[in-house]
Amino acid sequence: MKFLVKLFLSILSLRIFSRIWGRIARLRHPRFIIKGLVELYCQSYNIDMDEYAGQVEDYKSLCDFFVRPLDPEKRPLIPDNNAIVSPADGILTNVETIYHDQAAQVKGKTYRISSLICDNIDFSPGWHVAVIYLAPFNYHRYHYPLTGNIKRYLHTGRRLFPVNPMGIHNIERLFVRNERIVTQFESKGLPCYAAAVGATFVGSIKMEFIKTPKKRHRWIPLDLEVNQLEEMGRFEMGSTIVLVFPQKMAEPIPGVIGQPVKVGQPIFSLTIETGEKKRGL
């Protein structure tokens, strides 16, 4: 049975299926069918439109609805200079501190962070790894967890396995194998990484301010100042964000692991000193 599950997931991970779904999700006609599908999706997942811009009927395709923006008056995003905040709505499925090139996917399954971020770093001082899973019903845009400067970014990965519990428990090294965009940025004088990991039926991963590179597996240099909670990008379906940053930079906030989190919610307290002022608990 487990073999059949893995076979099914392997077939599903082929990018052709996600491309087909992406084209369907972008259809705008016939209008009455698209409107009905958007309404059905909203009702099936019990999505509360009060915090989003516009009404269900304002969205012209399923894709438009997937990436619906927040209403800034009803749900403002307020920066917190003393914290690393959640970049997305979702479940904070894992937070761990690693001293070797190995992080937990689930119990009994691990993956190499160097393979995820496509960079070789010294793990001995300790690095925090935080994983946020975005379900299909969540807000699909993601934001910068810190103010900083983007140094480079990379588009890599070949498959699109589901990142739901079925995929996580059955596919080895899932995050490393899936298509993703890795952004390296500097904040408080320290290097940080954010990996936006795609999944089955994610039509594409869009980045704000920068173009999704057509050439894969190659770092593209950049020098771009970004502010905490500015929009970083969007998934055209649910997916996962993995944050990697030095242990000395922050401490995990107790009680949030395994819980739903919202964009802008503090998940780490900064503990470093900067040239401006001392930040800490």
C-alpha atoms as a PDB file:
ATOM      1  CA  MET A   1       0.000   0.000   0.000  1.00  0.00           C
ATOM      2  CA  LYS A   2       2.811   2.407   0.893  1.00  0.00           C
ATOM      3  CA  PHE A   3       4.414   1.716  -2.480  1.00  0.00           C
ATOM      4  CA  LEU A   4       1.175   2.658  -4.266  1.00  0.00           C
ATOM      5  CA  VAL A   5       0.934   5.895  -2.270  1.00  0.00           C
ATOM      6  CA  LYS A   6       4.500   6.836  -3.192  1.00  0.00           C
ATOM      7  CA  LEU A   7       3.865   5.927  -6.833  1.00  0.00           C
ATOM      8  CA  PHE A   8       0.733   8.092  -6.890  1.00  0.00           C
ATOM      9  CA  LEU A   9       2.586  11.016  -5.311  1.00  0.00           C
ATOM     10  CA  SER A  10       5.507  10.626  -7.720  1.00  0.00           C
ATOM     11  CA  ILE A  11       3.177  10.781 -10.720  1.00  0.00           C
ATOM     12  CA  LEU A  12       1.323  13.723  -9.214  1.00  0.00           C
ATOM     13  CA  SER A  13       4.611  15.574  -8.716  1.00  0.00           C
ATOM     14  CA  LEU A  14       5.254  15.815 -12.460  1.00  0.00           C
ATOM     15  CA  ARG A  15       5.122  19.484 -13.392  1.00  0.00           C
ATOM     16  CA  ILE A  16       2.817  18.866 -16.367  1.00  0.00           C
ATOM     17  CA  PHE A  17      -0.156  18.354 -14.027  1.00  0.00           C
ATOM     18  CA  SER A  18       0.496  21.599 -12.183  1.00  0.00           C
ATOM     19  CA  ARG A  19       0.892  23.438 -15.493  1.00  0.00           C
ATOM     20  CA  ILE A  20      -2.479  22.134 -16.689  1.00  0.00           C
ATOM     21  CA  TRP A  21      -4.081  23.143 -13.401  1.00  0.00           C
ATOM     22  CA  GLY A  22      -2.449  26.557 -13.647  1.00  0.00           C
ATOM     23  CA  ARG A  23      -4.038  27.134 -17.048  1.00  0.00           C
ATOM     24  CA  ILE A  24      -7.442  26.042 -15.779  1.00  0.00           C
ATOM     25  CA  ALA A  25      -7.129  28.290 -12.723  1.00  0.00           C
ATOM     26  CA  ARG A  26      -6.427  31.294 -14.970  1.00  0.00           C
ATOM     27  CA  LEU A  27      -9.526  30.806 -17.141  1.00  0.00           C
ATOM     28  CA  ARG A  28     -11.919  33.770 -17.014  1.00  0.00           C
ATOM     29  CA  HIS A  29     -14.705  32.382 -19.230  1.00  0.00           C
ATOM     30  CA  PRO A  30     -17.425  31.204 -19.253  1.00  0.00           C
ATOM     31  CA  ARG A  31     -17.989  33.744 -16.518  1.00  0.00           C
ATOM     32  CA  PHE A  32     -20.923  32.024 -14.783  1.00  0.00           C
ATOM     33  CA  ILE A  33     -18.942  28.785 -14.387  1.00  0.00           C
ATOM     34  CA  ILE A  34     -15.857  30.562 -13.038  1.00  0.00           C
ATOM     35  CA  LYS A  35     -18.003  32.543 -10.605  1.00  0.00           C
ATOM     36  CA  GLY A  36     -19.650  29.322  -9.420  1.00  0.00           C
ATOM     37  CA  LEU A  37     -16.292  27.597  -8.910  1.00  0.00           C
ATOM     38  CA  VAL A  38     -14.924  30.522  -6.898  1.00  0.00           C
ATOM     39  CA  GLU A  39     -18.053  30.552  -4.721  1.00  0.00           C
ATOM     40  CA  LEU A  40     -17.857  26.765  -4.249  1.00  0.00           C
ATOM     41  CA  TYR A  41     -14.187  26.991  -3.270  1.00  0.00           C
ATOM     42  CA  CYS A  42     -14.935  29.757  -0.785  1.00  0.00           C
ATOM     43  CA  GLN A  43     -17.826  27.826   0.777  1.00  0.00           C
ATOM     44  CA  SER A  44     -15.977  24.493   0.858  1.00  0.00           C
ATOM     45  CA  TYR A  45     -13.103  25.975   2.862  1.00  0.00           C
ATOM     46  CA  ASN A  46     -15.311  28.325   4.886  1.00  0.00           C
ATOM     47  CA  ILE A  47     -13.201  31.332   3.888  1.00  0.00           C
ATOM     48  CA  ASP A  48     -14.066  34.533   5.754  1.00  0.00           C
ATOM     49  CA  MET A  49     -13.953  37.336   3.187  1.00  0.00           C
ATOM     50  CA  ASP A  50     -14.232  40.075   5.821  1.00  0.00           C
ATOM     51  CA  GLU A  51     -10.450  40.506   6.003  1.00  0.00           C
ATOM     52  CA  TYR A  52      -9.875  40.427   2.240  1.00  0.00           C
ATOM     53  CA  ALA A  53     -10.244  43.121  -0.392  1.00  0.00           C
ATOM     54  CA  GLY A  54     -13.453  42.990  -2.417  1.00  0.00           C
ATOM     55  CA  GLN A  55     -16.159  40.341  -2.597  1.00  0.00           C
ATOM     56  CA  VAL A  56     -16.134  36.831  -4.061  1.00  0.00           C
ATOM     57  CA  GLU A  57     -17.789  38.028  -7.273  1.00  0.00           C
ATOM     58  CA  ASP A  58     -14.983  40.556  -7.848  1.00  0.00           C
ATOM     59  CA  TYR A  59     -12.453  37.822  -8.640  1.00  0.00           C
ATOM     60  CA  LYS A  60     -12.386  36.906 -12.320  1.00  0.00           C
ATOM     61  CA  SER A  61     -10.592  33.547 -12.054  1.00  0.00           C
ATOM     62  CA  LEU A  62      -9.689  30.905  -9.501  1.00  0.00           C
ATOM     63  CA  CYS A  63      -6.098  32.117  -9.675  1.00  0.00           C
ATOM     64  CA  ASP A  64      -7.169  35.680  -8.860  1.00  0.00           C
ATOM     65  CA  PHE A  65      -9.042  34.341  -5.846  1.00  0.00           C
ATOM     66  CA  PHE A  66      -6.120  32.199  -4.663  1.00  0.00           C
ATOM     67  CA  VAL A  67      -3.878  35.274  -4.465  1.00  0.00           C
ATOM     68  CA  ARG A  68      -6.551  37.605  -3.068  1.00  0.00           C
ATOM     69  CA  PRO A  69      -5.037  40.552  -1.158  1.00  0.00           C
ATOM     70  CA  LEU A  70      -5.845  41.530   2.395  1.00  0.00           C
ATOM     71  CA  ASP A  71      -7.937  44.608   3.108  1.00  0.00           C
ATOM     72  CA  PRO A  72      -5.375  46.931   4.766  1.00  0.00           C
ATOM     73  CA  GLU A  73      -8.082  48.698   6.760  1.00  0.00           C
ATOM     74  CA  LYS A  74      -9.605  45.525   8.171  1.00  0.00           C
ATOM     75  CA  ARG A  75      -6.330  43.687   8.659  1.00  0.00           C
ATOM     76  CA  PRO A  76      -3.367  46.061   8.735  1.00  0.00           C
ATOM     77  CA  LEU A  77       0.139  44.589   8.811  1.00  0.00           C
ATOM     78  CA  ILE A  78       2.127  46.305  11.557  1.00  0.00           C
ATOM     79  CA  PRO A  79       5.926  45.802  11.670  1.00  0.00           C
ATOM     80  CA  ASP A  80       7.597  44.682  14.903  1.00  0.00           C
ATOM     81  CA  ASN A  81      11.239  45.766  15.076  1.00  0.00           C
ATOM     82  CA  ASN A  82      11.883  43.495  18.062  1.00  0.00           C
ATOM     83  CA  ALA A  83      10.816  40.288  16.353  1.00  0.00           C
ATOM     84  CA  ILE A  84      11.107  37.996  13.394  1.00  0.00           C
ATOM     85  CA  VAL A  85       7.512  37.688  12.259  1.00  0.00           C
ATOM     86  CA  SER A  86       5.666  35.002  10.369  1.00  0.00           C
ATOM     87  CA  PRO A  87       5.936  35.672   6.633  1.00  0.00           C
ATOM     88  CA  ALA A  88       2.638  33.935   5.915  1.00  0.00           C
ATOM     89  CA  ASP A  89      -0.667  32.686   7.238  1.00  0.00           C
ATOM     90  CA  GLY A  90      -0.463  28.981   7.973  1.00  0.00           C
ATOM     91  CA  ILE A  91       0.707  26.420  10.513  1.00  0.00           C
ATOM     92  CA  LEU A  92       4.138  26.791  12.100  1.00  0.00           C
ATOM     93  CA  THR A  93       4.837  23.094  11.685  1.00  0.00           C
ATOM     94  CA  ASN A  94       8.413  23.052  12.926  1.00  0.00           C
ATOM     95  CA  VAL A  95      11.008  25.193  14.688  1.00  0.00           C
ATOM     96  CA  GLU A  96      14.398  23.719  15.519  1.00  0.00           C
ATOM     97  CA  THR A  97      17.980  24.762  16.129  1.00  0.00           C
ATOM     98  CA  ILE A  98      20.552  22.787  14.155  1.00  0.00           C
ATOM     99  CA  TYR A  99      24.334  22.502  14.552  1.00  0.00           C
ATOM    100  CA  HIS A 100      24.857  20.139  11.624  1.00  0.00           C
ATOM    101  CA  ASP A 101      23.612  20.081   8.048  1.00  0.00           C
ATOM    102  CA  GLN A 102      20.422  18.215   8.863  1.00  0.00           C
ATOM    103  CA  ALA A 103      16.856  19.298   9.660  1.00  0.00           C
ATOM    104  CA  ALA A 104      13.733  17.296  10.451  1.00  0.00           C
ATOM    105  CA  GLN A 105      11.024  16.908   7.833  1.00  0.00           C
ATOM    106  CA  VAL A 106       8.941  14.695  10.131  1.00  0.00           C
ATOM    107  CA  LYS A 107       9.913  12.115  12.725  1.00  0.00           C
ATOM    108  CA  GLY A 108      12.297   9.696  11.030  1.00  0.00           C
ATOM    109  CA  LYS A 109      12.852  11.822   7.913  1.00  0.00           C
ATOM    110  CA  THR A 110      15.517  14.498   7.498  1.00  0.00           C
ATOM    111  CA  TYR A 111      16.929  16.705   4.753  1.00  0.00           C
ATOM    112  CA  ARG A 112      20.041  18.805   4.256  1.00  0.00           C
ATOM    113  CA  ILE A 113      19.621  22.533   4.703  1.00  0.00           C
ATOM    114  CA  SER A 114      22.611  23.138   2.401  1.00  0.00           C
ATOM    115  CA  SER A 115      20.679  21.315  -0.336  1.00  0.00           C
ATOM    116  CA  LEU A 116      17.523  23.301   0.392  1.00  0.00           C
ATOM    117  CA  ILE A 117      19.194  26.727   0.235  1.00  0.00           C
ATOM    118  CA  CYS A 118      21.876  25.687  -2.298  1.00  0.00           C
ATOM    119  CA  ASP A 119      24.625  27.183  -0.173  1.00  0.00           C
ATOM    120  CA  ASN A 120      27.384  25.890   2.100  1.00  0.00           C
ATOM    121  CA  ILE A 121      27.364  27.524   5.518  1.00  0.00           C
ATOM    122  CA  ASP A 122      29.066  26.798   8.830  1.00  0.00           C
ATOM    123  CA  PHE A 123      26.403  25.112  10.960  1.00  0.00           C
ATOM    124  CA  SER A 124      28.492  24.774  14.131  1.00  0.00           C
ATOM    125  CA  PRO A 125      27.432  28.141  15.691  1.00  0.00           C
ATOM    126  CA  GLY A 126      23.788  27.061  15.377  1.00  0.00           C
ATOM    127  CA  TRP A 127      21.021  28.008  12.962  1.00  0.00           C
ATOM    128  CA  HIS A 128      17.282  28.280  13.477  1.00  0.00           C
ATOM    129  CA  VAL A 129      14.970  26.598  10.970  1.00  0.00           C
ATOM    130  CA  ALA A 130      11.270  27.515  10.877  1.00  0.00           C
ATOM    131  CA  VAL A 131       8.690  25.907   8.581  1.00  0.00           C
ATOM    132  CA  ILE A 132       5.295  27.475   7.815  1.00  0.00           C
ATOM    133  CA  TYR A 133       2.767  25.387   5.871  1.00  0.00           C
ATOM    134  CA  LEU A 134       0.151  27.277   3.852  1.00  0.00           C
ATOM    135  CA  ALA A 135      -3.051  25.288   3.318  1.00  0.00           C
ATOM    136  CA  PRO A 136      -5.194  25.864   0.191  1.00  0.00           C
ATOM    137  CA  PHE A 137      -7.635  28.017   2.180  1.00  0.00           C
ATOM    138  CA  ASN A 138      -4.954  30.324   3.612  1.00  0.00           C
ATOM    139  CA  TYR A 139      -3.921  33.770   2.425  1.00  0.00           C
ATOM    140  CA  HIS A 140      -1.437  32.901  -0.350  1.00  0.00           C
ATOM    141  CA  ARG A 141       0.784  35.981  -0.312  1.00  0.00           C
ATOM    142  CA  TYR A 142       3.924  35.999   1.805  1.00  0.00           C
ATOM    143  CA  HIS A 143       5.929  38.866   3.256  1.00  0.00           C
ATOM    144  CA  TYR A 144       9.423  39.694   4.494  1.00  0.00           C
ATOM    145  CA  PRO A 145       9.928  38.525   8.093  1.00  0.00           C
ATOM    146  CA  LEU A 146      12.646  41.146   8.661  1.00  0.00           C
ATOM    147  CA  THR A 147      13.912  44.403   7.261  1.00  0.00           C
ATOM    148  CA  GLY A 148      17.094  43.819   5.287  1.00  0.00           C
ATOM    149  CA  ASN A 149      18.881  43.766   1.962  1.00  0.00           C
ATOM    150  CA  ILE A 150      18.406  41.045  -0.653  1.00  0.00           C
ATOM    151  CA  LYS A 151      21.816  39.877  -1.839  1.00  0.00           C
ATOM    152  CA  ARG A 152      20.854  37.172  -4.340  1.00  0.00           C
ATOM    153  CA  TYR A 153      18.152  34.699  -5.280  1.00  0.00           C
ATOM    154  CA  LEU A 154      17.849  31.331  -6.985  1.00  0.00           C
ATOM    155  CA  HIS A 155      15.168  29.299  -8.787  1.00  0.00           C
ATOM    156  CA  THR A 156      15.724  25.561  -8.431  1.00  0.00           C
ATOM    157  CA  GLY A 157      14.017  22.183  -7.930  1.00  0.00           C
ATOM    158  CA  ARG A 158      12.349  19.888 -10.458  1.00  0.00           C
ATOM    159  CA  ARG A 159       9.299  18.283  -8.862  1.00  0.00           C
ATOM    160  CA  LEU A 160       6.059  19.440  -7.272  1.00  0.00           C
ATOM    161  CA  PHE A 161       5.151  16.898  -4.596  1.00  0.00           C
ATOM    162  CA  PRO A 162       2.241  17.735  -2.284  1.00  0.00           C
ATOM    163  CA  VAL A 163       3.484  19.415   0.906  1.00  0.00           C
ATOM    164  CA  ASN A 164       0.459  18.246   2.910  1.00  0.00           C
ATOM    165  CA  PRO A 165       0.811  15.524   5.588  1.00  0.00           C
ATOM    166  CA  MET A 166       0.556  12.739   2.998  1.00  0.00           C
ATOM    167  CA  GLY A 167       3.492  14.123   1.050  1.00  0.00           C
ATOM    168  CA  ILE A 168       5.582  15.039   4.088  1.00  0.00           C
ATOM    169  CA  HIS A 169       5.267  11.557   5.611  1.00  0.00           C
ATOM    170  CA  ASN A 170       5.862   9.579   2.414  1.00  0.00           C
ATOM    171  CA  ILE A 171       8.384  11.475   0.288  1.00  0.00           C
ATOM    172  CA  GLU A 172      12.040  11.614   1.311  1.00  0.00           C
ATOM    173  CA  ARG A 173      13.751  15.031   1.145  1.00  0.00           C
ATOM    174  CA  LEU A 174      10.562  16.625  -0.147  1.00  0.00           C
ATOM    175  CA  PHE A 175      11.538  20.289   0.315  1.00  0.00           C
ATOM    176  CA  VAL A 176      14.867  19.696  -1.425  1.00  0.00           C
ATOM    177  CA  ARG A 177      13.260  18.013  -4.433  1.00  0.00           C
ATOM    178  CA  ASN A 178      10.395  20.458  -4.962  1.00  0.00           C
ATOM    179  CA  GLU A 179      10.581  23.558  -7.125  1.00  0.00           C
ATOM    180  CA  ARG A 180      11.442  26.594  -5.013  1.00  0.00           C
ATOM    181  CA  ILE A 181      12.807  30.116  -4.986  1.00  0.00           C
ATOM    182  CA  VAL A 182      15.527  30.746  -2.411  1.00  0.00           C
ATOM    183  CA  THR A 183      16.268  34.312  -1.354  1.00  0.00           C
ATOM    184  CA  GLN A 184      19.403  35.212   0.588  1.00  0.00           C
ATOM    185  CA  PHE A 185      19.225  38.502   2.424  1.00  0.00           C
ATOM    186  CA  GLU A 186      21.214  40.291   5.078  1.00  0.00           C
ATOM    187  CA  SER A 187      19.554  41.637   8.202  1.00  0.00           C
ATOM    188  CA  LYS A 188      21.202  43.086  11.323  1.00  0.00           C
ATOM    189  CA  GLY A 189      24.532  42.323   9.654  1.00  0.00           C
ATOM    190  CA  LEU A 190      23.770  38.591   9.457  1.00  0.00           C
ATOM    191  CA  PRO A 191      22.879  36.285   6.531  1.00  0.00           C
ATOM    192  CA  CYS A 192      19.344  34.879   6.381  1.00  0.00           C
ATOM    193  CA  TYR A 193      17.539  32.626   3.918  1.00  0.00           C
ATOM    194  CA  ALA A 194      13.904  32.227   2.887  1.00  0.00           C
ATOM    195  CA  ALA A 195      12.870  29.295   0.687  1.00  0.00           C
ATOM    196  CA  ALA A 196       9.456  29.537  -0.979  1.00  0.00           C
ATOM    197  CA  VAL A 197       8.708  25.882  -1.734  1.00  0.00           C
ATOM    198  CA  GLY A 198       6.154  25.016  -4.399  1.00  0.00           C
ATOM    199  CA  ALA A 199       3.735  22.098  -4.318  1.00  0.00           C
ATOM    200  CA  THR A 200       1.376  20.094  -6.518  1.00  0.00           C
ATOM    201  CA  PHE A 201      -1.055  22.370  -8.379  1.00  0.00           C
ATOM    202  CA  VAL A 202       0.860  25.523  -7.486  1.00  0.00           C
ATOM    203  CA  GLY A 203       0.562  27.223 -10.873  1.00  0.00           C
ATOM    204  CA  SER A 204       3.631  29.336 -10.176  1.00  0.00           C
ATOM    205  CA  ILE A 205       5.605  31.175  -7.505  1.00  0.00           C
ATOM    206  CA  LYS A 206       5.579  34.918  -8.116  1.00  0.00           C
ATOM    207  CA  MET A 207       8.054  37.315  -6.497  1.00  0.00           C
ATOM    208  CA  GLU A 208       7.492  41.013  -5.944  1.00  0.00           C
ATOM    209  CA  PHE A 209      10.218  43.441  -7.082  1.00  0.00           C
ATOM    210  CA  ILE A 210      12.164  40.688  -8.856  1.00  0.00           C
ATOM    211  CA  LYS A 211      11.411  38.474 -11.845  1.00  0.00           C
ATOM    212  CA  THR A 212      11.209  34.731 -11.408  1.00  0.00           C
ATOM    213  CA  PRO A 213      14.426  33.636 -13.137  1.00  0.00           C
ATOM    214  CA  LYS A 214      14.003  31.482 -16.228  1.00  0.00           C
ATOM    215  CA  LYS A 215      17.458  29.961 -15.803  1.00  0.00           C
ATOM    216  CA  ARG A 216      17.422  27.465 -12.961  1.00  0.00           C
ATOM    217  CA  HIS A 217      20.066  26.443 -10.453  1.00  0.00           C
ATOM    218  CA  ARG A 218      22.008  29.687 -10.795  1.00  0.00           C
ATOM    219  CA  TRP A 219      22.306  32.437  -8.200  1.00  0.00           C
ATOM    220  CA  ILE A 220      21.308  35.877  -9.457  1.00  0.00           C
ATOM    221  CA  PRO A 221      22.980  38.763  -7.582  1.00  0.00           C
ATOM    222  CA  LEU A 222      20.845  41.615  -6.312  1.00  0.00           C
ATOM    223  CA  ASP A 223      21.121  44.639  -4.058  1.00  0.00           C
ATOM    224  CA  LEU A 224      17.607  45.506  -2.912  1.00  0.00           C
ATOM    225  CA  GLU A 225      16.486  47.045   0.362  1.00  0.00           C
ATOM    226  CA  VAL A 226      13.253  45.557   1.706  1.00  0.00           C
ATOM    227  CA  ASN A 227      11.162  46.335   4.754  1.00  0.00           C
ATOM    228  CA  GLN A 228       9.570  43.933   7.189  1.00  0.00           C
ATOM    229  CA  LEU A 229       6.072  42.900   6.009  1.00  0.00           C
ATOM    230  CA  GLU A 230       6.455  44.259   2.493  1.00  0.00           C
ATOM    231  CA  GLU A 231       5.023  41.697   0.107  1.00  0.00           C
ATOM    232  CA  MET A 232       7.678  39.189  -0.905  1.00  0.00           C
ATOM    233  CA  GLY A 233       5.673  37.042  -3.308  1.00  0.00           C
ATOM    234  CA  ARG A 234       2.676  34.800  -3.771  1.00  0.00           C
ATOM    235  CA  PHE A 235       1.776  31.164  -4.332  1.00  0.00           C
ATOM    236  CA  GLU A 236      -1.021  30.307  -6.724  1.00  0.00           C
ATOM    237  CA  MET A 237      -2.194  27.603  -4.258  1.00  0.00           C
ATOM    238  CA  GLY A 238      -1.068  26.394  -0.828  1.00  0.00           C
ATOM    239  CA  SER A 239       2.609  25.688  -0.153  1.00  0.00           C
ATOM    240  CA  THR A 240       5.477  26.120   2.352  1.00  0.00           C
ATOM    241  CA  ILE A 241       7.971  28.756   3.519  1.00  0.00           C
ATOM    242  CA  VAL A 242      11.222  27.701   5.213  1.00  0.00           C
ATOM    243  CA  LEU A 243      13.237  30.340   7.096  1.00  0.00           C
ATOM    244  CA  VAL A 244      16.907  29.772   8.005  1.00  0.00           C
ATOM    245  CA  PHE A 245      18.873  32.274  10.112  1.00  0.00           C
ATOM    246  CA  PRO A 246      21.631  32.321  12.764  1.00  0.00           C
ATOM    247  CA  GLN A 247      20.783  31.158  16.274  1.00  0.00           C
ATOM    248  CA  LYS A 248      22.439  34.205  17.839  1.00  0.00           C
ATOM    249  CA  MET A 249      19.994  36.453  16.034  1.00  0.00           C
ATOM    250  CA  ALA A 250      16.825  35.457  17.883  1.00  0.00           C
ATOM    251  CA  GLU A 251      15.068  33.095  20.287  1.00  0.00           C
ATOM    252  CA  PRO A 252      11.874  31.142  19.531  1.00  0.00           C
ATOM    253  CA  ILE A 253       8.702  32.432  21.147  1.00  0.00           C
ATOM    254  CA  PRO A 254       7.214  29.628  23.302  1.00  0.00           C
ATOM    255  CA  GLY A 255       3.847  28.098  22.521  1.00  0.00           C
ATOM    256  CA  VAL A 256       3.584  28.795  18.794  1.00  0.00           C
ATOM    257  CA  ILE A 257       5.040  25.595  17.325  1.00  0.00           C
ATOM    258  CA  GLY A 258       2.293  23.491  15.762  1.00  0.00           C
ATOM    259  CA  GLN A 259      -0.183  26.361  15.989  1.00  0.00           C
ATOM    260  CA  PRO A 260      -1.833  28.539  13.322  1.00  0.00           C
ATOM    261  CA  VAL A 261       0.063  31.778  12.731  1.00  0.00           C
ATOM    262  CA  LYS A 262      -0.768  34.968  10.872  1.00  0.00           C
ATOM    263  CA  VAL A 263       1.381  37.247   8.735  1.00  0.00           C
ATOM    264  CA  GLY A 264       3.144  39.681  11.055  1.00  0.00           C
ATOM    265  CA  GLN A 265       2.748  37.522  14.174  1.00  0.00           C
ATOM    266  CA  PRO A 266       6.052  37.357  16.099  1.00  0.00           C
ATOM    267  CA  ILE A 267       7.559  33.863  16.055  1.00  0.00           C
ATOM    268  CA  PHE A 268      11.076  34.788  17.269  1.00  0.00           C
ATOM    269  CA  SER A 269      12.300  37.546  19.580  1.00  0.00           C
ATOM    270  CA  LEU A 270      15.422  39.350  18.395  1.00  0.00           C
ATOM    271  CA  THR A 271      18.347  39.022  20.804  1.00  0.00           C
ATOM    272  CA  ILE A 272      21.182  40.745  18.949  1.00  0.00           C
ATOM    273  CA  GLU A 273      22.667  44.198  19.255  1.00  0.00           C
ATOM    274  CA  THR A 274      22.715  46.584  16.306  1.00  0.00           C
ATOM    275  CA  GLY A 275      24.308  49.937  15.744  1.00  0.00           C
ATOM    276  CA  GLU A 276      20.944  51.597  16.414  1.00  0.00           C
ATOM    277  CA  LYS A 277      19.907  50.156  19.735  1.00  0.00           C
ATOM    278  CA  LYS A 278      19.864  46.955  21.735  1.00  0.00           C
ATOM    279  CA  ARG A 279      17.017  44.608  21.013  1.00  0.00           C
ATOM    280  CA  GLY A 280      16.085  41.671  23.159  1.00  0.00           C
ATOM    281  CA  LEU A 281      13.610  39.906  25.345  1.00  0.00           C
END
